[in-house]
Amino acid sequence: MAEKRNKAKADSKAKSKAKQAAASAKVSSKADEFRTRSADELADQLSKLKKEQFNLRFQRANGQLEKTSRIRVVRKDIARIRTILTEQRRKAG
């Protein structure tokens, strides 16, 4: 009996580790995509995202924003790009 319980616990731990690995792979894919771009491309993308963020803030203030989750996504993408730009600067200098 005890052996079966221990095996079941080990199986559940292995499954949870696999789920965590899959979840972390999703997060890093966007960052990896940004890392393949040049600094100029990232600067252009950052500029576009900042304009979008500005427009989203206005839409929210006027009550016209339907997809409120987009604000969070844009904010996180801006942070990712800034982080990668900083990494590239430190690597070059």
C-alpha atoms as a PDB file:
ATOM      1  CA  MET A   1       0.000   0.000   0.000  1.00  0.00           C
ATOM      2  CA  ALA A   2       2.679   2.485   0.992  1.00  0.00           C
ATOM      3  CA  GLU A   3       4.596   1.773  -2.215  1.00  0.00           C
ATOM      4  CA  LYS A   4       1.540   2.600  -4.318  1.00  0.00           C
ATOM      5  CA  ARG A   5       1.036   5.896  -2.497  1.00  0.00           C
ATOM      6  CA  ASN A   6       4.683   6.842  -2.908  1.00  0.00           C
ATOM      7  CA  LYS A   7       4.537   6.029  -6.616  1.00  0.00           C
ATOM      8  CA  ALA A   8       1.353   8.094  -7.011  1.00  0.00           C
ATOM      9  CA  LYS A   9       3.005  11.047  -5.258  1.00  0.00           C
ATOM     10  CA  ALA A  10       6.069  10.763  -7.491  1.00  0.00           C
ATOM     11  CA  ASP A  11       3.872  10.646 -10.597  1.00  0.00           C
ATOM     12  CA  SER A  12       1.920  13.718  -9.535  1.00  0.00           C
ATOM     13  CA  LYS A  13       5.139  15.616  -8.787  1.00  0.00           C
ATOM     14  CA  ALA A  14       6.511  14.735 -12.226  1.00  0.00           C
ATOM     15  CA  LYS A  15       3.301  15.926 -13.880  1.00  0.00           C
ATOM     16  CA  SER A  16       3.354  19.238 -11.994  1.00  0.00           C
ATOM     17  CA  LYS A  17       7.001  19.824 -12.969  1.00  0.00           C
ATOM     18  CA  ALA A  18       6.121  19.174 -16.604  1.00  0.00           C
ATOM     19  CA  LYS A  19       3.257  21.695 -16.384  1.00  0.00           C
ATOM     20  CA  GLN A  20       5.569  24.297 -14.853  1.00  0.00           C
ATOM     21  CA  ALA A  21       8.140  23.751 -17.594  1.00  0.00           C
ATOM     22  CA  ALA A  22       5.471  24.172 -20.269  1.00  0.00           C
ATOM     23  CA  ALA A  23       4.190  27.354 -18.616  1.00  0.00           C
ATOM     24  CA  SER A  24       7.659  28.881 -18.414  1.00  0.00           C
ATOM     25  CA  ALA A  25       8.269  28.032 -22.070  1.00  0.00           C
ATOM     26  CA  LYS A  26       5.270  30.169 -23.040  1.00  0.00           C
ATOM     27  CA  VAL A  27       6.607  33.167 -21.123  1.00  0.00           C
ATOM     28  CA  SER A  28      10.087  33.019 -22.600  1.00  0.00           C
ATOM     29  CA  SER A  29       8.935  32.685 -26.204  1.00  0.00           C
ATOM     30  CA  LYS A  30       7.959  36.353 -26.441  1.00  0.00           C
ATOM     31  CA  ALA A  31      11.243  37.440 -24.888  1.00  0.00           C
ATOM     32  CA  ASP A  32      13.165  35.129 -27.209  1.00  0.00           C
ATOM     33  CA  GLU A  33      11.346  36.665 -30.159  1.00  0.00           C
ATOM     34  CA  PHE A  34      12.422  40.131 -29.018  1.00  0.00           C
ATOM     35  CA  ARG A  35      16.018  38.976 -28.488  1.00  0.00           C
ATOM     36  CA  THR A  36      16.327  38.014 -32.155  1.00  0.00           C
ATOM     37  CA  ARG A  37      15.599  41.599 -33.233  1.00  0.00           C
ATOM     38  CA  SER A  38      18.094  44.402 -33.561  1.00  0.00           C
ATOM     39  CA  ALA A  39      18.190  47.410 -31.255  1.00  0.00           C
ATOM     40  CA  ASP A  40      16.636  49.630 -33.938  1.00  0.00           C
ATOM     41  CA  GLU A  41      13.735  47.243 -34.455  1.00  0.00           C
ATOM     42  CA  LEU A  42      13.193  47.057 -30.708  1.00  0.00           C
ATOM     43  CA  ALA A  43      13.231  50.849 -30.444  1.00  0.00           C
ATOM     44  CA  ASP A  44      10.593  51.073 -33.189  1.00  0.00           C
ATOM     45  CA  GLN A  45       8.457  48.439 -31.479  1.00  0.00           C
ATOM     46  CA  LEU A  46       8.838  50.263 -28.162  1.00  0.00           C
ATOM     47  CA  SER A  47       7.681  53.489 -29.773  1.00  0.00           C
ATOM     48  CA  LYS A  48       4.591  51.777 -31.235  1.00  0.00           C
ATOM     49  CA  LEU A  49       3.736  50.177 -27.905  1.00  0.00           C
ATOM     50  CA  LYS A  50       4.045  53.494 -26.059  1.00  0.00           C
ATOM     51  CA  LYS A  51       1.660  55.125 -28.544  1.00  0.00           C
ATOM     52  CA  GLU A  52      -0.765  52.245 -28.112  1.00  0.00           C
ATOM     53  CA  GLN A  53      -0.504  52.557 -24.336  1.00  0.00           C
ATOM     54  CA  PHE A  54      -1.293  56.268 -24.596  1.00  0.00           C
ATOM     55  CA  ASN A  55      -4.369  55.557 -26.735  1.00  0.00           C
ATOM     56  CA  LEU A  56      -5.539  52.808 -24.380  1.00  0.00           C
ATOM     57  CA  ARG A  57      -5.308  55.184 -21.425  1.00  0.00           C
ATOM     58  CA  PHE A  58      -7.497  57.693 -23.249  1.00  0.00           C
ATOM     59  CA  GLN A  59     -10.027  55.030 -24.205  1.00  0.00           C
ATOM     60  CA  ARG A  60     -10.199  53.856 -20.599  1.00  0.00           C
ATOM     61  CA  ALA A  61     -10.692  57.399 -19.316  1.00  0.00           C
ATOM     62  CA  ASN A  62     -13.515  57.980 -21.798  1.00  0.00           C
ATOM     63  CA  GLY A  63     -15.185  54.650 -21.085  1.00  0.00           C
ATOM     64  CA  GLN A  64     -14.599  53.363 -24.617  1.00  0.00           C
ATOM     65  CA  LEU A  65     -12.122  50.597 -23.788  1.00  0.00           C
ATOM     66  CA  GLU A  66     -13.618  47.144 -24.304  1.00  0.00           C
ATOM     67  CA  LYS A  67     -10.562  44.926 -23.913  1.00  0.00           C
ATOM     68  CA  THR A  68      -9.075  46.084 -20.620  1.00  0.00           C
ATOM     69  CA  SER A  69      -6.563  43.222 -20.501  1.00  0.00           C
ATOM     70  CA  ARG A  70      -4.735  44.790 -23.442  1.00  0.00           C
ATOM     71  CA  ILE A  71      -3.353  47.498 -21.131  1.00  0.00           C
ATOM     72  CA  ARG A  72      -1.565  44.887 -19.042  1.00  0.00           C
ATOM     73  CA  VAL A  73      -0.196  43.048 -22.088  1.00  0.00           C
ATOM     74  CA  VAL A  74       1.171  46.261 -23.615  1.00  0.00           C
ATOM     75  CA  ARG A  75       2.735  47.316 -20.308  1.00  0.00           C
ATOM     76  CA  LYS A  76       4.497  43.961 -19.939  1.00  0.00           C
ATOM     77  CA  ASP A  77       5.729  44.014 -23.538  1.00  0.00           C
ATOM     78  CA  ILE A  78       7.207  47.475 -22.941  1.00  0.00           C
ATOM     79  CA  ALA A  79       9.010  46.135 -19.875  1.00  0.00           C
ATOM     80  CA  ARG A  80      10.313  43.131 -21.817  1.00  0.00           C
ATOM     81  CA  ILE A  81      11.681  45.303 -24.601  1.00  0.00           C
ATOM     82  CA  ARG A  82      13.335  47.699 -22.163  1.00  0.00           C
ATOM     83  CA  THR A  83      14.932  44.765 -20.349  1.00  0.00           C
ATOM     84  CA  ILE A  84      16.272  43.273 -23.570  1.00  0.00           C
ATOM     85  CA  LEU A  85      17.602  46.645 -24.738  1.00  0.00           C
ATOM     86  CA  THR A  86      19.424  46.976 -21.410  1.00  0.00           C
ATOM     87  CA  GLU A  87      20.840  43.456 -21.790  1.00  0.00           C
ATOM     88  CA  GLN A  88      22.094  44.293 -25.267  1.00  0.00           C
ATOM     89  CA  ARG A  89      23.718  47.529 -24.082  1.00  0.00           C
ATOM     90  CA  ARG A  90      25.517  45.768 -21.234  1.00  0.00           C
ATOM     91  CA  LYS A  91      26.637  42.983 -23.524  1.00  0.00           C
ATOM     92  CA  ALA A  92      28.034  45.460 -26.062  1.00  0.00           C
ATOM     93  CA  GLY A  93      29.692  47.729 -23.507  1.00  0.00           C
END
